[in-house]
Amino acid sequence: MNFLRRSGTILAGYFAAAMAAFMVPAGFFFFGFPDSISPSDLPDAIRGVALIMLLVGGSLLVPTLLVIAICEALRIRNMFAYLTLGAVIAVALTILMIGWSNAGEFKLIVSGVTGVVAGFIYWWIAGRHAGEWRAAP
């Protein structure tokens, strides 16, 4: 029963972290460029952001679950580890998806901030209790 409860907490933490991470680029998109979006373009812009969220969420799933499994196995509960790993995964996937030559400084900073936000949210929900479902060695 503990394993099932922990699995639910891990999934809830991942989905909450993913939603929080999606809000960072969406905030930069909507509030960073208010002059470029007219009211008639807003529904298309929202659909575009939702599509990008699905694409990025799908590409982040496998590396993130691998890191979560490692952190659970090693019982890593340090907040800075989750912040650092989140930023590293986000920046590495940004470079992998759009290439080093297209990854400008602004895009790398936004992806790093996104990873830090996602890492903090995951740590807050599930990471600070990593490995508690297993018996102590």
N, C-alpha and C. Protein backbone atom coordinates (compact mmCIF):
# COMPACT_ATOMS: atom_id res chain seq x y z
N MET A 1 0.82 -1.19 0.00
CA MET A 1 0.00 0.00 0.00
C MET A 1 0.86 1.26 0.00
N ASN A 2 1.99 1.20 0.74
CA ASN A 2 2.90 2.35 0.76
C ASN A 2 3.45 2.65 -0.62
N PHE A 3 3.76 1.57 -1.38
CA PHE A 3 4.30 1.75 -2.73
C PHE A 3 3.28 2.43 -3.64
N LEU A 4 2.02 2.04 -3.54
CA LEU A 4 0.98 2.66 -4.36
C LEU A 4 0.77 4.12 -3.99
N ARG A 5 0.77 4.41 -2.71
CA ARG A 5 0.62 5.80 -2.27
C ARG A 5 1.80 6.64 -2.75
N ARG A 6 3.00 6.09 -2.66
CA ARG A 6 4.19 6.81 -3.09
C ARG A 6 4.17 7.03 -4.61
N SER A 7 3.72 6.02 -5.36
CA SER A 7 3.62 6.16 -6.82
C SER A 7 2.64 7.26 -7.19
N GLY A 8 1.52 7.33 -6.47
CA GLY A 8 0.56 8.41 -6.72
C GLY A 8 1.14 9.78 -6.41
N THR A 9 1.91 9.86 -5.33
CA THR A 9 2.55 11.12 -4.96
C THR A 9 3.58 11.54 -6.01
N ILE A 10 4.33 10.56 -6.52
CA ILE A 10 5.32 10.85 -7.55
C ILE A 10 4.64 11.37 -8.81
N LEU A 11 3.57 10.70 -9.24
CA LEU A 11 2.85 11.15 -10.44
C LEU A 11 2.23 12.52 -10.24
N ALA A 12 1.64 12.75 -9.07
CA ALA A 12 1.06 14.07 -8.78
C ALA A 12 2.15 15.13 -8.79
N GLY A 13 3.30 14.82 -8.22
CA GLY A 13 4.42 15.77 -8.22
C GLY A 13 4.91 16.06 -9.62
N TYR A 14 5.00 15.01 -10.47
CA TYR A 14 5.45 15.22 -11.85
C TYR A 14 4.47 16.10 -12.61
N PHE A 15 3.18 15.80 -12.52
CA PHE A 15 2.20 16.58 -13.27
C PHE A 15 2.11 18.02 -12.77
N ALA A 16 2.21 18.21 -11.46
CA ALA A 16 2.20 19.58 -10.93
C ALA A 16 3.45 20.34 -11.36
N ALA A 17 4.60 19.67 -11.35
CA ALA A 17 5.84 20.31 -11.80
C ALA A 17 5.77 20.64 -13.29
N ALA A 18 5.20 19.73 -14.07
CA ALA A 18 5.07 19.98 -15.51
C ALA A 18 4.15 21.17 -15.77
N MET A 19 3.04 21.24 -15.06
CA MET A 19 2.13 22.37 -15.25
C MET A 19 2.79 23.68 -14.84
N ALA A 20 3.53 23.67 -13.74
CA ALA A 20 4.23 24.89 -13.30
C ALA A 20 5.31 25.27 -14.31
N ALA A 21 6.00 24.27 -14.84
CA ALA A 21 7.04 24.54 -15.83
C ALA A 21 6.46 25.09 -17.12
N PHE A 22 5.27 24.65 -17.47
CA PHE A 22 4.65 25.15 -18.70
C PHE A 22 4.20 26.60 -18.53
N MET A 23 3.93 27.02 -17.32
CA MET A 23 3.47 28.38 -17.10
C MET A 23 4.58 29.41 -17.28
N VAL A 24 5.83 29.02 -17.06
CA VAL A 24 6.94 29.97 -17.19
C VAL A 24 7.09 30.44 -18.63
N PRO A 25 7.24 29.53 -19.63
CA PRO A 25 7.35 30.03 -21.01
C PRO A 25 6.07 30.69 -21.49
N ALA A 26 4.92 30.20 -21.04
CA ALA A 26 3.65 30.82 -21.43
C ALA A 26 3.58 32.25 -20.89
N GLY A 27 4.07 32.46 -19.69
CA GLY A 27 4.11 33.81 -19.12
C GLY A 27 5.02 34.72 -19.92
N PHE A 28 6.19 34.20 -20.32
CA PHE A 28 7.07 35.01 -21.16
C PHE A 28 6.42 35.30 -22.50
N PHE A 29 5.67 34.34 -23.03
CA PHE A 29 5.03 34.52 -24.33
C PHE A 29 3.92 35.56 -24.27
N PHE A 30 3.04 35.43 -23.27
CA PHE A 30 1.88 36.31 -23.21
C PHE A 30 2.20 37.68 -22.61
N PHE A 31 3.03 37.72 -21.57
CA PHE A 31 3.27 38.98 -20.90
C PHE A 31 4.55 39.66 -21.36
N GLY A 32 5.44 38.90 -22.00
CA GLY A 32 6.68 39.48 -22.50
C GLY A 32 6.51 40.19 -23.84
N PHE A 33 5.49 39.80 -24.59
CA PHE A 33 5.26 40.38 -25.91
C PHE A 33 3.80 40.80 -26.05
N PRO A 34 3.29 41.71 -25.23
CA PRO A 34 1.86 42.03 -25.29
C PRO A 34 1.45 42.77 -26.56
N ASP A 35 2.37 43.47 -27.22
CA ASP A 35 2.01 44.24 -28.40
C ASP A 35 1.81 43.35 -29.63
N SER A 36 2.39 42.15 -29.61
CA SER A 36 2.35 41.32 -30.79
C SER A 36 1.10 40.44 -30.87
N ILE A 37 0.26 40.42 -29.84
CA ILE A 37 -0.93 39.58 -29.84
C ILE A 37 -2.16 40.48 -29.82
N SER A 38 -2.93 40.38 -30.87
CA SER A 38 -4.18 41.14 -30.90
C SER A 38 -5.29 40.28 -30.29
N PRO A 39 -6.38 40.87 -29.87
CA PRO A 39 -7.46 40.08 -29.27
C PRO A 39 -8.01 38.99 -30.19
N SER A 40 -7.99 39.23 -31.49
CA SER A 40 -8.50 38.20 -32.41
C SER A 40 -7.53 37.02 -32.54
N ASP A 41 -6.24 37.23 -32.22
CA ASP A 41 -5.25 36.16 -32.30
C ASP A 41 -5.13 35.36 -31.01
N LEU A 42 -5.77 35.80 -29.96
CA LEU A 42 -5.61 35.15 -28.66
C LEU A 42 -6.03 33.69 -28.65
N PRO A 43 -7.17 33.28 -29.21
CA PRO A 43 -7.50 31.85 -29.20
C PRO A 43 -6.46 30.99 -29.92
N ASP A 44 -5.94 31.48 -31.04
CA ASP A 44 -4.90 30.74 -31.74
C ASP A 44 -3.61 30.68 -30.92
N ALA A 45 -3.30 31.75 -30.22
CA ALA A 45 -2.10 31.76 -29.38
C ALA A 45 -2.25 30.77 -28.22
N ILE A 46 -3.43 30.69 -27.63
CA ILE A 46 -3.66 29.74 -26.54
C ILE A 46 -3.55 28.30 -27.04
N ARG A 47 -4.11 28.03 -28.21
CA ARG A 47 -3.99 26.68 -28.79
C ARG A 47 -2.54 26.35 -29.11
N GLY A 48 -1.80 27.34 -29.60
CA GLY A 48 -0.39 27.11 -29.89
C GLY A 48 0.42 26.81 -28.64
N VAL A 49 0.15 27.54 -27.57
CA VAL A 49 0.85 27.27 -26.31
C VAL A 49 0.48 25.88 -25.78
N ALA A 50 -0.79 25.50 -25.89
CA ALA A 50 -1.21 24.17 -25.44
C ALA A 50 -0.52 23.07 -26.25
N LEU A 51 -0.38 23.26 -27.54
CA LEU A 51 0.32 22.28 -28.37
C LEU A 51 1.79 22.18 -27.99
N ILE A 52 2.42 23.32 -27.75
CA ILE A 52 3.82 23.32 -27.33
C ILE A 52 3.96 22.65 -25.97
N MET A 53 3.00 22.88 -25.08
CA MET A 53 3.04 22.24 -23.77
C MET A 53 2.98 20.72 -23.89
N LEU A 54 2.14 20.21 -24.77
CA LEU A 54 2.06 18.76 -24.98
C LEU A 54 3.35 18.21 -25.58
N LEU A 55 3.92 18.92 -26.52
CA LEU A 55 5.16 18.48 -27.16
C LEU A 55 6.31 18.45 -26.15
N VAL A 56 6.46 19.52 -25.40
CA VAL A 56 7.54 19.59 -24.42
C VAL A 56 7.31 18.59 -23.29
N GLY A 57 6.06 18.48 -22.83
CA GLY A 57 5.75 17.52 -21.77
C GLY A 57 6.04 16.09 -22.18
N GLY A 58 5.75 15.76 -23.41
CA GLY A 58 6.03 14.41 -23.90
C GLY A 58 7.52 14.14 -24.02
N SER A 59 8.27 15.14 -24.44
CA SER A 59 9.71 14.94 -24.58
C SER A 59 10.43 14.93 -23.23
N LEU A 60 9.86 15.58 -22.24
CA LEU A 60 10.48 15.61 -20.91
C LEU A 60 10.15 14.39 -20.06
N LEU A 61 9.16 13.62 -20.46
CA LEU A 61 8.68 12.53 -19.60
C LEU A 61 9.75 11.50 -19.31
N VAL A 62 10.39 10.96 -20.33
CA VAL A 62 11.36 9.87 -20.13
C VAL A 62 12.58 10.32 -19.32
N PRO A 63 13.27 11.43 -19.69
CA PRO A 63 14.42 11.81 -18.86
C PRO A 63 14.05 12.17 -17.43
N THR A 64 12.89 12.80 -17.27
CA THR A 64 12.47 13.18 -15.92
C THR A 64 12.16 11.96 -15.07
N LEU A 65 11.46 10.99 -15.63
CA LEU A 65 11.16 9.79 -14.86
C LEU A 65 12.42 9.00 -14.53
N LEU A 66 13.42 9.05 -15.42
CA LEU A 66 14.69 8.39 -15.13
C LEU A 66 15.37 9.06 -13.93
N VAL A 67 15.38 10.38 -13.91
CA VAL A 67 15.99 11.12 -12.79
C VAL A 67 15.19 10.88 -11.51
N ILE A 68 13.86 10.84 -11.61
CA ILE A 68 13.03 10.58 -10.43
C ILE A 68 13.32 9.19 -9.88
N ALA A 69 13.46 8.20 -10.75
CA ALA A 69 13.76 6.84 -10.30
C ALA A 69 15.11 6.77 -9.60
N ILE A 70 16.10 7.46 -10.15
CA ILE A 70 17.43 7.47 -9.52
C ILE A 70 17.37 8.16 -8.16
N CYS A 71 16.68 9.29 -8.09
CA CYS A 71 16.56 10.01 -6.82
C CYS A 71 15.80 9.20 -5.77
N GLU A 72 14.78 8.46 -6.21
CA GLU A 72 14.05 7.59 -5.28
C GLU A 72 14.93 6.45 -4.79
N ALA A 73 15.68 5.84 -5.70
CA ALA A 73 16.53 4.71 -5.33
C ALA A 73 17.65 5.13 -4.38
N LEU A 74 18.21 6.31 -4.60
CA LEU A 74 19.30 6.80 -3.75
C LEU A 74 18.82 7.64 -2.57
N ARG A 75 17.50 7.82 -2.45
CA ARG A 75 16.89 8.59 -1.38
C ARG A 75 17.42 10.02 -1.31
N ILE A 76 17.53 10.64 -2.45
CA ILE A 76 18.02 12.02 -2.52
C ILE A 76 16.86 12.94 -2.17
N ARG A 77 17.02 13.71 -1.11
CA ARG A 77 15.97 14.62 -0.62
C ARG A 77 16.41 16.08 -0.60
N ASN A 78 17.59 16.36 -1.08
CA ASN A 78 18.14 17.71 -1.06
C ASN A 78 17.44 18.58 -2.11
N MET A 79 16.91 19.72 -1.69
CA MET A 79 16.19 20.59 -2.60
C MET A 79 17.10 21.09 -3.73
N PHE A 80 18.33 21.42 -3.43
CA PHE A 80 19.23 21.94 -4.45
C PHE A 80 19.56 20.90 -5.52
N ALA A 81 19.52 19.63 -5.15
CA ALA A 81 19.72 18.58 -6.15
C ALA A 81 18.58 18.59 -7.16
N TYR A 82 17.36 18.74 -6.69
CA TYR A 82 16.21 18.78 -7.60
C TYR A 82 16.20 20.05 -8.45
N LEU A 83 16.59 21.17 -7.86
CA LEU A 83 16.67 22.42 -8.62
C LEU A 83 17.73 22.30 -9.73
N THR A 84 18.88 21.77 -9.37
CA THR A 84 19.97 21.63 -10.34
C THR A 84 19.62 20.63 -11.43
N LEU A 85 19.08 19.47 -11.04
CA LEU A 85 18.72 18.47 -12.04
C LEU A 85 17.62 18.96 -12.96
N GLY A 86 16.66 19.71 -12.42
CA GLY A 86 15.60 20.27 -13.25
C GLY A 86 16.15 21.23 -14.28
N ALA A 87 17.06 22.10 -13.86
CA ALA A 87 17.66 23.07 -14.79
C ALA A 87 18.51 22.36 -15.84
N VAL A 88 19.28 21.37 -15.42
CA VAL A 88 20.14 20.65 -16.36
C VAL A 88 19.31 19.91 -17.41
N ILE A 89 18.25 19.24 -16.98
CA ILE A 89 17.39 18.52 -17.93
C ILE A 89 16.73 19.49 -18.89
N ALA A 90 16.22 20.60 -18.38
CA ALA A 90 15.53 21.56 -19.25
C ALA A 90 16.47 22.18 -20.27
N VAL A 91 17.66 22.59 -19.84
CA VAL A 91 18.62 23.20 -20.77
C VAL A 91 19.12 22.16 -21.78
N ALA A 92 19.41 20.95 -21.31
CA ALA A 92 19.89 19.91 -22.23
C ALA A 92 18.83 19.56 -23.27
N LEU A 93 17.58 19.46 -22.86
CA LEU A 93 16.53 19.15 -23.83
C LEU A 93 16.28 20.31 -24.77
N THR A 94 16.44 21.54 -24.31
CA THR A 94 16.30 22.69 -25.20
C THR A 94 17.37 22.64 -26.27
N ILE A 95 18.59 22.38 -25.88
CA ILE A 95 19.68 22.29 -26.85
C ILE A 95 19.47 21.11 -27.79
N LEU A 96 19.00 20.00 -27.26
CA LEU A 96 18.76 18.81 -28.08
C LEU A 96 17.63 19.03 -29.08
N MET A 97 16.57 19.73 -28.66
CA MET A 97 15.41 19.91 -29.53
C MET A 97 15.62 20.99 -30.59
N ILE A 98 16.27 22.09 -30.26
CA ILE A 98 16.39 23.18 -31.25
C ILE A 98 17.81 23.38 -31.75
N GLY A 99 18.75 22.65 -31.22
CA GLY A 99 20.14 22.77 -31.68
C GLY A 99 20.91 23.85 -30.95
N TRP A 100 22.22 23.66 -30.88
CA TRP A 100 23.07 24.60 -30.15
C TRP A 100 23.11 25.96 -30.84
N SER A 101 23.09 25.96 -32.18
CA SER A 101 23.19 27.23 -32.91
C SER A 101 21.92 28.07 -32.78
N ASN A 102 20.77 27.44 -32.59
CA ASN A 102 19.51 28.18 -32.44
C ASN A 102 19.18 28.50 -30.99
N ALA A 103 19.89 27.89 -30.07
CA ALA A 103 19.61 28.11 -28.65
C ALA A 103 20.31 29.38 -28.20
N GLY A 104 19.62 30.48 -28.26
CA GLY A 104 20.18 31.75 -27.83
C GLY A 104 20.21 31.85 -26.31
N GLU A 105 20.82 32.90 -25.84
CA GLU A 105 20.95 33.10 -24.40
C GLU A 105 19.59 33.21 -23.72
N PHE A 106 18.66 33.93 -24.32
CA PHE A 106 17.33 34.09 -23.73
C PHE A 106 16.61 32.75 -23.61
N LYS A 107 16.68 31.92 -24.65
CA LYS A 107 16.01 30.62 -24.61
C LYS A 107 16.62 29.71 -23.55
N LEU A 108 17.93 29.75 -23.41
CA LEU A 108 18.58 28.93 -22.39
C LEU A 108 18.24 29.40 -20.98
N ILE A 109 18.14 30.70 -20.79
CA ILE A 109 17.78 31.24 -19.47
C ILE A 109 16.34 30.86 -19.13
N VAL A 110 15.44 31.01 -20.11
CA VAL A 110 14.04 30.64 -19.86
C VAL A 110 13.92 29.16 -19.56
N SER A 111 14.63 28.31 -20.30
CA SER A 111 14.54 26.88 -20.02
C SER A 111 15.18 26.53 -18.68
N GLY A 112 16.25 27.21 -18.30
CA GLY A 112 16.85 26.97 -16.99
C GLY A 112 15.93 27.37 -15.85
N VAL A 113 15.29 28.53 -15.99
CA VAL A 113 14.32 28.97 -14.96
C VAL A 113 13.14 28.00 -14.90
N THR A 114 12.71 27.55 -16.07
CA THR A 114 11.62 26.57 -16.12
C THR A 114 12.00 25.29 -15.38
N GLY A 115 13.21 24.81 -15.59
CA GLY A 115 13.67 23.60 -14.91
C GLY A 115 13.78 23.79 -13.40
N VAL A 116 14.23 24.96 -12.98
CA VAL A 116 14.33 25.24 -11.54
C VAL A 116 12.94 25.27 -10.91
N VAL A 117 11.98 25.91 -11.58
CA VAL A 117 10.61 25.96 -11.07
C VAL A 117 10.03 24.55 -10.98
N ALA A 118 10.22 23.76 -12.02
CA ALA A 118 9.70 22.39 -12.02
C ALA A 118 10.38 21.55 -10.95
N GLY A 119 11.68 21.71 -10.79
CA GLY A 119 12.40 20.96 -9.76
C GLY A 119 11.92 21.31 -8.36
N PHE A 120 11.66 22.60 -8.12
CA PHE A 120 11.18 23.01 -6.80
C PHE A 120 9.79 22.46 -6.53
N ILE A 121 8.89 22.56 -7.50
CA ILE A 121 7.53 22.07 -7.30
C ILE A 121 7.55 20.56 -7.06
N TYR A 122 8.35 19.82 -7.84
CA TYR A 122 8.42 18.37 -7.62
C TYR A 122 9.00 18.07 -6.24
N TRP A 123 10.07 18.75 -5.86
CA TRP A 123 10.66 18.51 -4.54
C TRP A 123 9.64 18.79 -3.44
N TRP A 124 8.90 19.88 -3.59
CA TRP A 124 7.93 20.28 -2.58
C TRP A 124 6.83 19.23 -2.41
N ILE A 125 6.38 18.61 -3.50
CA ILE A 125 5.29 17.64 -3.42
C ILE A 125 5.82 16.25 -3.11
N ALA A 126 6.85 15.81 -3.80
CA ALA A 126 7.26 14.41 -3.67
C ALA A 126 8.73 14.20 -3.33
N GLY A 127 9.60 15.08 -3.77
CA GLY A 127 11.04 14.85 -3.63
C GLY A 127 11.56 14.87 -2.21
N ARG A 128 10.95 15.65 -1.36
CA ARG A 128 11.47 15.74 0.01
C ARG A 128 11.17 14.49 0.83
N HIS A 129 10.38 13.58 0.26
CA HIS A 129 10.08 12.31 0.92
C HIS A 129 10.61 11.14 0.10
N ALA A 130 11.62 11.38 -0.72
CA ALA A 130 12.15 10.35 -1.62
C ALA A 130 12.68 9.16 -0.85
N GLY A 131 12.28 7.99 -1.27
CA GLY A 131 12.78 6.74 -0.69
C GLY A 131 12.13 6.34 0.62
N GLU A 132 11.16 7.07 1.13
CA GLU A 132 10.56 6.72 2.41
C GLU A 132 9.70 5.45 2.33
N TRP A 133 9.29 5.07 1.15
CA TRP A 133 8.43 3.91 1.01
C TRP A 133 9.19 2.60 1.20
N ARG A 134 10.53 2.65 1.11
CA ARG A 134 11.34 1.45 1.30
C ARG A 134 11.79 1.34 2.74
N ALA A 135 12.12 0.14 3.12
CA ALA A 135 12.67 -0.09 4.45
C ALA A 135 14.09 0.49 4.51
N ALA A 136 14.48 0.99 5.67
CA ALA A 136 15.81 1.56 5.82
C ALA A 136 16.87 0.47 5.67
N PRO A 137 18.01 0.78 5.01
CA PRO A 137 19.06 -0.25 4.82
C PRO A 137 19.76 -0.58 6.11
